[in-house]
């Protein structure tokens, strides 16, 4: 049974962030995710989760200056302490919000990065181990996400196989794979087979259609097949709706009605 979580960074942008929890609940969602909670009071977020009976599913570790274009700092040696400080901050929020999934974005390898690819990979592995060890007493899983390199040029982790190799090298039971269908359709396609092959490591899905990153059903990805297929092969976790509404959020939610109703 597909369990949909509303991504409040993307959805319900018609209202301020803290008001999106109510709209998600009224739309029928029982879980929420977003990129970052750090600009808000954990008490304010927790109050809304409780009031609207929502499960906090996932958010990301701090990634540096997101508005300035940064997409992670885990491959930058001069910022390792900043990464570690961010792990501590994320744990504080996750504990307070009862969130059991935290995502690492590796970062962009650009002309400012002096390290070799091998050095960046080893640092990423080291940082993943640090995060995994830090959360081990909190029953939290660390997720590694690959992004497509059209939307995010030179993003360091961009395929499922690369993610798998890094996770295996990190060698921690609580490091898993966050599989974003939109990103992986762009980078590699062959979605159903890739998902089934890597299901042992996948602990969270995110979805959007391509092109445009809009609602499922607006592009080339056959979600009518893919979502039931993910259920069929045994996935029991959450599926985050991380897409850009083509118009108003509620107007575009018709595709999700059958899944939301199944969670009642």
C-alpha atoms as a PDB file:
ATOM      1  CA  UNK A   1       0.000   0.000   0.000  1.00  0.00           C
ATOM      2  CA  UNK A   2       1.580   3.253  -1.168  1.00  0.00           C
ATOM      3  CA  UNK A   3       2.094   5.692   1.714  1.00  0.00           C
ATOM      4  CA  UNK A   4       2.365   9.214   0.339  1.00  0.00           C
ATOM      5  CA  UNK A   5       4.105  12.022   2.221  1.00  0.00           C
ATOM      6  CA  UNK A   6       3.607  15.637   1.195  1.00  0.00           C
ATOM      7  CA  UNK A   7       6.856  17.468   0.588  1.00  0.00           C
ATOM      8  CA  UNK A   8       6.164  20.845   2.170  1.00  0.00           C
ATOM      9  CA  UNK A   9       9.112  22.512   0.472  1.00  0.00           C
ATOM     10  CA  UNK A  10       7.437  21.880  -2.876  1.00  0.00           C
ATOM     11  CA  UNK A  11       3.710  21.546  -2.159  1.00  0.00           C
ATOM     12  CA  UNK A  12       1.222  24.076  -0.762  1.00  0.00           C
ATOM     13  CA  UNK A  13       3.489  27.009  -1.544  1.00  0.00           C
ATOM     14  CA  UNK A  14       0.345  29.141  -1.753  1.00  0.00           C
ATOM     15  CA  UNK A  15       0.736  29.703   2.001  1.00  0.00           C
ATOM     16  CA  UNK A  16       3.674  30.227   4.420  1.00  0.00           C
ATOM     17  CA  UNK A  17       5.599  27.122   5.472  1.00  0.00           C
ATOM     18  CA  UNK A  18       4.033  26.630   8.901  1.00  0.00           C
ATOM     19  CA  UNK A  19       0.540  26.832   7.397  1.00  0.00           C
ATOM     20  CA  UNK A  20       1.269  24.011   4.942  1.00  0.00           C
ATOM     21  CA  UNK A  21       0.891  21.312   7.600  1.00  0.00           C
ATOM     22  CA  UNK A  22      -2.818  22.055   7.941  1.00  0.00           C
ATOM     23  CA  UNK A  23      -3.347  21.999   4.179  1.00  0.00           C
ATOM     24  CA  UNK A  24      -1.488  18.704   3.847  1.00  0.00           C
ATOM     25  CA  UNK A  25      -3.671  17.144   6.514  1.00  0.00           C
ATOM     26  CA  UNK A  26      -6.888  18.463   4.966  1.00  0.00           C
ATOM     27  CA  UNK A  27      -5.781  17.054   1.610  1.00  0.00           C
ATOM     28  CA  UNK A  28      -5.549  13.604   3.189  1.00  0.00           C
ATOM     29  CA  UNK A  29      -1.809  13.181   3.752  1.00  0.00           C
ATOM     30  CA  UNK A  30      -0.707  11.419   6.933  1.00  0.00           C
ATOM     31  CA  UNK A  31       3.027  12.106   6.520  1.00  0.00           C
ATOM     32  CA  UNK A  32       5.148  15.132   5.626  1.00  0.00           C
ATOM     33  CA  UNK A  33       8.727  15.785   4.579  1.00  0.00           C
ATOM     34  CA  UNK A  34      10.687  18.851   3.492  1.00  0.00           C
ATOM     35  CA  UNK A  35      14.249  19.912   2.855  1.00  0.00           C
ATOM     36  CA  UNK A  36      15.095  21.781   6.063  1.00  0.00           C
ATOM     37  CA  UNK A  37      13.415  22.714   9.362  1.00  0.00           C
ATOM     38  CA  UNK A  38      16.267  24.803  10.724  1.00  0.00           C
ATOM     39  CA  UNK A  39      14.805  28.274  10.136  1.00  0.00           C
ATOM     40  CA  UNK A  40      11.811  27.453  12.317  1.00  0.00           C
ATOM     41  CA  UNK A  41      11.152  26.663  15.946  1.00  0.00           C
ATOM     42  CA  UNK A  42      11.056  22.946  16.612  1.00  0.00           C
ATOM     43  CA  UNK A  43       8.182  23.648  19.002  1.00  0.00           C
ATOM     44  CA  UNK A  44       6.166  25.363  16.262  1.00  0.00           C
ATOM     45  CA  UNK A  45       6.699  22.447  13.891  1.00  0.00           C
ATOM     46  CA  UNK A  46       5.973  19.863  16.563  1.00  0.00           C
ATOM     47  CA  UNK A  47       2.774  21.646  17.551  1.00  0.00           C
ATOM     48  CA  UNK A  48       1.505  21.433  13.978  1.00  0.00           C
ATOM     49  CA  UNK A  49       2.464  17.793  13.588  1.00  0.00           C
ATOM     50  CA  UNK A  50       0.493  16.968  16.724  1.00  0.00           C
ATOM     51  CA  UNK A  51      -2.479  19.197  15.917  1.00  0.00           C
ATOM     52  CA  UNK A  52      -2.947  17.754  12.438  1.00  0.00           C
ATOM     53  CA  UNK A  53      -1.959  14.169  13.294  1.00  0.00           C
ATOM     54  CA  UNK A  54       0.965  14.106  10.871  1.00  0.00           C
ATOM     55  CA  UNK A  55       4.065  11.918  10.850  1.00  0.00           C
ATOM     56  CA  UNK A  56       7.400  13.650  10.282  1.00  0.00           C
ATOM     57  CA  UNK A  57       8.927  11.340   7.683  1.00  0.00           C
ATOM     58  CA  UNK A  58      12.182  12.943   6.551  1.00  0.00           C
ATOM     59  CA  UNK A  59      14.326  16.048   6.195  1.00  0.00           C
ATOM     60  CA  UNK A  60      17.916  16.795   5.138  1.00  0.00           C
ATOM     61  CA  UNK A  61      21.072  17.440   7.075  1.00  0.00           C
ATOM     62  CA  UNK A  62      22.254  21.064   6.619  1.00  0.00           C
ATOM     63  CA  UNK A  63      23.774  21.574   3.170  1.00  0.00           C
ATOM     64  CA  UNK A  64      25.434  24.980   3.383  1.00  0.00           C
ATOM     65  CA  UNK A  65      23.980  27.968   1.518  1.00  0.00           C
ATOM     66  CA  UNK A  66      21.071  26.359  -0.323  1.00  0.00           C
ATOM     67  CA  UNK A  67      19.653  29.667  -1.565  1.00  0.00           C
ATOM     68  CA  UNK A  68      23.113  30.525  -2.877  1.00  0.00           C
ATOM     69  CA  UNK A  69      23.249  27.302  -4.884  1.00  0.00           C
ATOM     70  CA  UNK A  70      25.034  24.932  -2.536  1.00  0.00           C
ATOM     71  CA  UNK A  71      23.737  21.365  -2.493  1.00  0.00           C
ATOM     72  CA  UNK A  72      25.744  19.793   0.291  1.00  0.00           C
ATOM     73  CA  UNK A  73      29.189  20.085   1.858  1.00  0.00           C
ATOM     74  CA  UNK A  74      30.045  16.441   2.537  1.00  0.00           C
ATOM     75  CA  UNK A  75      32.770  16.328  -0.159  1.00  0.00           C
ATOM     76  CA  UNK A  76      34.520  19.537   0.915  1.00  0.00           C
ATOM     77  CA  UNK A  77      37.463  18.907   3.278  1.00  0.00           C
ATOM     78  CA  UNK A  78      37.622  22.487   4.557  1.00  0.00           C
ATOM     79  CA  UNK A  79      34.013  22.178   5.753  1.00  0.00           C
ATOM     80  CA  UNK A  80      34.129  18.843   7.540  1.00  0.00           C
ATOM     81  CA  UNK A  81      33.625  20.436  10.947  1.00  0.00           C
ATOM     82  CA  UNK A  82      30.635  22.340   9.570  1.00  0.00           C
ATOM     83  CA  UNK A  83      29.197  19.057   8.324  1.00  0.00           C
ATOM     84  CA  UNK A  84      29.688  17.447  11.721  1.00  0.00           C
ATOM     85  CA  UNK A  85      28.091  20.412  13.487  1.00  0.00           C
ATOM     86  CA  UNK A  86      25.140  20.054  11.108  1.00  0.00           C
ATOM     87  CA  UNK A  87      24.765  16.411  12.066  1.00  0.00           C
ATOM     88  CA  UNK A  88      24.340  17.452  15.680  1.00  0.00           C
ATOM     89  CA  UNK A  89      21.777  20.086  14.747  1.00  0.00           C
ATOM     90  CA  UNK A  90      19.813  17.621  12.632  1.00  0.00           C
ATOM     91  CA  UNK A  91      19.716  15.075  15.441  1.00  0.00           C
ATOM     92  CA  UNK A  92      18.261  17.667  17.831  1.00  0.00           C
ATOM     93  CA  UNK A  93      15.417  18.400  15.419  1.00  0.00           C
ATOM     94  CA  UNK A  94      14.897  14.748  14.514  1.00  0.00           C
ATOM     95  CA  UNK A  95      14.624  13.701  18.140  1.00  0.00           C
ATOM     96  CA  UNK A  96      12.133  16.444  18.937  1.00  0.00           C
ATOM     97  CA  UNK A  97      10.027  15.693  15.848  1.00  0.00           C
ATOM     98  CA  UNK A  98      10.326  11.889  16.028  1.00  0.00           C
ATOM     99  CA  UNK A  99      11.836  11.805  12.542  1.00  0.00           C
ATOM    100  CA  UNK A 100      13.630   8.571  11.615  1.00  0.00           C
ATOM    101  CA  UNK A 101      15.091   9.493   8.203  1.00  0.00           C
ATOM    102  CA  UNK A 102      17.789  12.120   7.537  1.00  0.00           C
ATOM    103  CA  UNK A 103      19.224  12.729   4.067  1.00  0.00           C
ATOM    104  CA  UNK A 104      22.790  13.594   3.072  1.00  0.00           C
ATOM    105  CA  UNK A 105      23.344  15.652  -0.073  1.00  0.00           C
ATOM    106  CA  UNK A 106      26.956  15.147  -1.102  1.00  0.00           C
ATOM    107  CA  UNK A 107      27.624  18.457  -2.818  1.00  0.00           C
ATOM    108  CA  UNK A 108      28.784  19.876  -6.124  1.00  0.00           C
ATOM    109  CA  UNK A 109      32.250  19.196  -7.485  1.00  0.00           C
ATOM    110  CA  UNK A 110      33.163  22.457  -9.205  1.00  0.00           C
ATOM    111  CA  UNK A 111      36.195  24.533 -10.056  1.00  0.00           C
ATOM    112  CA  UNK A 112      36.497  25.622  -6.415  1.00  0.00           C
ATOM    113  CA  UNK A 113      37.041  22.014  -5.316  1.00  0.00           C
ATOM    114  CA  UNK A 114      40.741  21.115  -5.319  1.00  0.00           C
ATOM    115  CA  UNK A 115      40.292  17.482  -4.248  1.00  0.00           C
ATOM    116  CA  UNK A 116      40.379  14.613  -6.714  1.00  0.00           C
ATOM    117  CA  UNK A 117      37.287  12.500  -7.310  1.00  0.00           C
ATOM    118  CA  UNK A 118      38.731   9.673  -5.213  1.00  0.00           C
ATOM    119  CA  UNK A 119      39.503  12.074  -2.364  1.00  0.00           C
ATOM    120  CA  UNK A 120      35.991  13.497  -2.457  1.00  0.00           C
ATOM    121  CA  UNK A 121      34.502  10.018  -2.398  1.00  0.00           C
ATOM    122  CA  UNK A 122      36.609   8.994   0.574  1.00  0.00           C
ATOM    123  CA  UNK A 123      35.612  12.128   2.470  1.00  0.00           C
ATOM    124  CA  UNK A 124      31.957  11.497   1.683  1.00  0.00           C
ATOM    125  CA  UNK A 125      32.296   7.958   3.007  1.00  0.00           C
ATOM    126  CA  UNK A 126      33.977   9.264   6.149  1.00  0.00           C
ATOM    127  CA  UNK A 127      31.223  11.826   6.680  1.00  0.00           C
ATOM    128  CA  UNK A 128      28.502   9.240   6.106  1.00  0.00           C
ATOM    129  CA  UNK A 129      30.111   7.028   8.738  1.00  0.00           C
ATOM    130  CA  UNK A 130      30.274   9.957  11.143  1.00  0.00           C
ATOM    131  CA  UNK A 131      26.593  10.715  10.636  1.00  0.00           C
ATOM    132  CA  UNK A 132      25.586   7.063  10.896  1.00  0.00           C
ATOM    133  CA  UNK A 133      27.529   6.576  14.121  1.00  0.00           C
ATOM    134  CA  UNK A 134      26.132   9.798  15.579  1.00  0.00           C
ATOM    135  CA  UNK A 135      22.501   8.768  14.978  1.00  0.00           C
ATOM    136  CA  UNK A 136      22.929   5.098  15.873  1.00  0.00           C
ATOM    137  CA  UNK A 137      21.533   5.526  19.379  1.00  0.00           C
ATOM    138  CA  UNK A 138      18.490   7.395  18.076  1.00  0.00           C
ATOM    139  CA  UNK A 139      17.064   4.723  15.738  1.00  0.00           C
ATOM    140  CA  UNK A 140      17.611   7.063  12.780  1.00  0.00           C
ATOM    141  CA  UNK A 141      18.582   5.989   9.274  1.00  0.00           C
ATOM    142  CA  UNK A 142      20.967   8.107   7.191  1.00  0.00           C
ATOM    143  CA  UNK A 143      20.013   8.320   3.526  1.00  0.00           C
ATOM    144  CA  UNK A 144      22.237   9.135   0.546  1.00  0.00           C
ATOM    145  CA  UNK A 145      20.459  10.744  -2.412  1.00  0.00           C
ATOM    146  CA  UNK A 146      21.634  11.001  -6.013  1.00  0.00           C
ATOM    147  CA  UNK A 147      20.609  14.071  -8.053  1.00  0.00           C
ATOM    148  CA  UNK A 148      20.529  14.496 -11.804  1.00  0.00           C
ATOM    149  CA  UNK A 149      23.309  16.566 -13.337  1.00  0.00           C
ATOM    150  CA  UNK A 150      21.061  18.507 -15.726  1.00  0.00           C
ATOM    151  CA  UNK A 151      19.300  20.350 -12.906  1.00  0.00           C
ATOM    152  CA  UNK A 152      22.390  20.291 -10.679  1.00  0.00           C
ATOM    153  CA  UNK A 153      25.524  20.254 -12.856  1.00  0.00           C
ATOM    154  CA  UNK A 154      28.523  18.429 -11.372  1.00  0.00           C
ATOM    155  CA  UNK A 155      26.569  17.042  -8.428  1.00  0.00           C
ATOM    156  CA  UNK A 156      28.910  14.411  -7.038  1.00  0.00           C
ATOM    157  CA  UNK A 157      26.470  11.490  -6.595  1.00  0.00           C
ATOM    158  CA  UNK A 158      24.297  11.055  -9.664  1.00  0.00           C
ATOM    159  CA  UNK A 159      23.453   7.366 -10.243  1.00  0.00           C
ATOM    160  CA  UNK A 160      22.043   4.445  -8.323  1.00  0.00           C
ATOM    161  CA  UNK A 161      25.136   2.308  -8.834  1.00  0.00           C
ATOM    162  CA  UNK A 162      27.436   5.050  -7.550  1.00  0.00           C
ATOM    163  CA  UNK A 163      25.195   5.498  -4.509  1.00  0.00           C
ATOM    164  CA  UNK A 164      25.214   1.785  -3.850  1.00  0.00           C
ATOM    165  CA  UNK A 165      28.998   1.572  -4.105  1.00  0.00           C
ATOM    166  CA  UNK A 166      29.483   4.456  -1.664  1.00  0.00           C
ATOM    167  CA  UNK A 167      26.952   3.044   0.813  1.00  0.00           C
ATOM    168  CA  UNK A 168      28.592  -0.367   0.714  1.00  0.00           C
ATOM    169  CA  UNK A 169      32.016   1.209   1.272  1.00  0.00           C
ATOM    170  CA  UNK A 170      30.704   3.179   4.246  1.00  0.00           C
ATOM    171  CA  UNK A 171      29.769  -0.172   5.799  1.00  0.00           C
ATOM    172  CA  UNK A 172      27.113   0.913   8.263  1.00  0.00           C
ATOM    173  CA  UNK A 173      23.789  -0.875   8.622  1.00  0.00           C
ATOM    174  CA  UNK A 174      21.937   2.390   9.125  1.00  0.00           C
ATOM    175  CA  UNK A 175      23.032   4.010   5.841  1.00  0.00           C
ATOM    176  CA  UNK A 176      20.512   3.459   3.065  1.00  0.00           C
ATOM    177  CA  UNK A 177      19.541   4.826  -0.334  1.00  0.00           C
ATOM    178  CA  UNK A 178      16.998   7.557  -1.050  1.00  0.00           C
ATOM    179  CA  UNK A 179      15.711   6.842  -4.545  1.00  0.00           C
ATOM    180  CA  UNK A 180      14.272   9.842  -6.357  1.00  0.00           C
ATOM    181  CA  UNK A 181      12.389   8.582  -9.400  1.00  0.00           C
ATOM    182  CA  UNK A 182      12.525  11.927 -11.194  1.00  0.00           C
ATOM    183  CA  UNK A 183      16.295  12.270 -10.872  1.00  0.00           C
ATOM    184  CA  UNK A 184      16.952   8.665 -11.856  1.00  0.00           C
ATOM    185  CA  UNK A 185      14.648   8.771 -14.873  1.00  0.00           C
ATOM    186  CA  UNK A 186      16.844  11.570 -16.216  1.00  0.00           C
ATOM    187  CA  UNK A 187      20.148   9.899 -15.332  1.00  0.00           C
ATOM    188  CA  UNK A 188      19.540   6.237 -16.128  1.00  0.00           C
ATOM    189  CA  UNK A 189      15.937   5.216 -16.819  1.00  0.00           C
ATOM    190  CA  UNK A 190      15.150   1.487 -16.520  1.00  0.00           C
ATOM    191  CA  UNK A 191      13.308   2.408 -13.341  1.00  0.00           C
ATOM    192  CA  UNK A 192      11.423  -0.752 -12.406  1.00  0.00           C
ATOM    193  CA  UNK A 193      14.388  -3.065 -12.843  1.00  0.00           C
ATOM    194  CA  UNK A 194      16.815  -0.710 -11.088  1.00  0.00           C
ATOM    195  CA  UNK A 195      14.434  -0.315  -8.144  1.00  0.00           C
ATOM    196  CA  UNK A 196      13.916  -4.057  -7.748  1.00  0.00           C
ATOM    197  CA  UNK A 197      17.659  -4.746  -7.994  1.00  0.00           C
ATOM    198  CA  UNK A 198      18.424  -2.199  -5.276  1.00  0.00           C
ATOM    199  CA  UNK A 199      15.390  -2.639  -3.043  1.00  0.00           C
ATOM    200  CA  UNK A 200      17.584  -4.092  -0.305  1.00  0.00           C
ATOM    201  CA  UNK A 201      19.110  -0.618   0.168  1.00  0.00           C
ATOM    202  CA  UNK A 202      16.201   1.684  -0.671  1.00  0.00           C
ATOM    203  CA  UNK A 203      14.634   3.204   2.450  1.00  0.00           C
ATOM    204  CA  UNK A 204      12.731   6.116   0.903  1.00  0.00           C
ATOM    205  CA  UNK A 205      11.280   7.145  -2.466  1.00  0.00           C
ATOM    206  CA  UNK A 206      10.542  10.566  -3.890  1.00  0.00           C
ATOM    207  CA  UNK A 207       8.483  11.151  -6.998  1.00  0.00           C
ATOM    208  CA  UNK A 208       7.823  13.730  -9.709  1.00  0.00           C
ATOM    209  CA  UNK A 209       7.271  13.427 -13.440  1.00  0.00           C
ATOM    210  CA  UNK A 210       9.609  14.358 -16.260  1.00  0.00           C
ATOM    211  CA  UNK A 211       9.957  16.780 -17.992  1.00  0.00           C
ATOM    212  CA  UNK A 212       9.067  19.691 -15.742  1.00  0.00           C
ATOM    213  CA  UNK A 213       9.181  17.963 -12.351  1.00  0.00           C
ATOM    214  CA  UNK A 214       5.418  18.299 -12.085  1.00  0.00           C
ATOM    215  CA  UNK A 215       2.692  15.950 -10.831  1.00  0.00           C
ATOM    216  CA  UNK A 216       2.837  12.228 -11.626  1.00  0.00           C
ATOM    217  CA  UNK A 217       0.833  11.708 -14.798  1.00  0.00           C
ATOM    218  CA  UNK A 218       1.986  14.917 -16.487  1.00  0.00           C
ATOM    219  CA  UNK A 219       5.027  13.441 -18.225  1.00  0.00           C
ATOM    220  CA  UNK A 220       6.767  10.335 -19.474  1.00  0.00           C
ATOM    221  CA  UNK A 221       6.969   8.216 -16.290  1.00  0.00           C
ATOM    222  CA  UNK A 222       4.264   5.553 -16.010  1.00  0.00           C
ATOM    223  CA  UNK A 223       3.356   5.939 -12.348  1.00  0.00           C
ATOM    224  CA  UNK A 224       0.137   3.969 -12.867  1.00  0.00           C
ATOM    225  CA  UNK A 225       2.430   0.981 -13.277  1.00  0.00           C
ATOM    226  CA  UNK A 226       5.405   2.004 -11.165  1.00  0.00           C
ATOM    227  CA  UNK A 227       3.770   2.773  -7.796  1.00  0.00           C
ATOM    228  CA  UNK A 228       1.835  -0.533  -7.629  1.00  0.00           C
ATOM    229  CA  UNK A 229       4.996  -2.306  -8.797  1.00  0.00           C
ATOM    230  CA  UNK A 230       6.980  -0.850  -5.898  1.00  0.00           C
ATOM    231  CA  UNK A 231       4.298  -2.194  -3.549  1.00  0.00           C
ATOM    232  CA  UNK A 232       4.308  -5.552  -5.307  1.00  0.00           C
ATOM    233  CA  UNK A 233       8.032  -6.153  -4.798  1.00  0.00           C
ATOM    234  CA  UNK A 234       7.712  -5.508  -1.081  1.00  0.00           C
ATOM    235  CA  UNK A 235       8.505  -1.869  -0.326  1.00  0.00           C
ATOM    236  CA  UNK A 236       6.749  -0.798   2.882  1.00  0.00           C
ATOM    237  CA  UNK A 237       8.108   2.716   3.436  1.00  0.00           C
ATOM    238  CA  UNK A 238       7.057   6.228   2.509  1.00  0.00           C
ATOM    239  CA  UNK A 239       6.903   7.844  -0.931  1.00  0.00           C
ATOM    240  CA  UNK A 240       7.564  11.584  -0.823  1.00  0.00           C
ATOM    241  CA  UNK A 241       5.704  13.833  -3.263  1.00  0.00           C
ATOM    242  CA  UNK A 242       8.602  16.129  -4.147  1.00  0.00           C
ATOM    243  CA  UNK A 243       7.242  17.793  -7.246  1.00  0.00           C
ATOM    244  CA  UNK A 244       6.503  21.314  -8.436  1.00  0.00           C
ATOM    245  CA  UNK A 245       2.749  21.788  -8.818  1.00  0.00           C
ATOM    246  CA  UNK A 246       1.903  22.876 -12.353  1.00  0.00           C
ATOM    247  CA  UNK A 247      -0.780  25.175 -10.936  1.00  0.00           C
ATOM    248  CA  UNK A 248      -2.240  25.255  -7.423  1.00  0.00           C
ATOM    249  CA  UNK A 249      -1.350  22.256  -5.262  1.00  0.00           C
ATOM    250  CA  UNK A 250      -4.898  21.077  -4.547  1.00  0.00           C
ATOM    251  CA  UNK A 251      -5.865  21.383  -8.188  1.00  0.00           C
ATOM    252  CA  UNK A 252      -3.122  18.959  -9.142  1.00  0.00           C
ATOM    253  CA  UNK A 253      -3.736  16.295  -6.478  1.00  0.00           C
ATOM    254  CA  UNK A 254      -6.310  14.234  -8.364  1.00  0.00           C
ATOM    255  CA  UNK A 255      -3.622  11.736  -9.345  1.00  0.00           C
ATOM    256  CA  UNK A 256      -3.045  10.933  -5.650  1.00  0.00           C
ATOM    257  CA  UNK A 257      -6.642  10.398  -4.563  1.00  0.00           C
ATOM    258  CA  UNK A 258      -6.627   6.609  -4.802  1.00  0.00           C
ATOM    259  CA  UNK A 259      -3.412   6.366  -2.793  1.00  0.00           C
ATOM    260  CA  UNK A 260      -4.459   8.861  -0.139  1.00  0.00           C
ATOM    261  CA  UNK A 261      -7.800   7.079   0.311  1.00  0.00           C
ATOM    262  CA  UNK A 262      -6.020   3.744   0.709  1.00  0.00           C
ATOM    263  CA  UNK A 263      -4.220   5.202   3.749  1.00  0.00           C
ATOM    264  CA  UNK A 264      -7.445   6.146   5.547  1.00  0.00           C
END
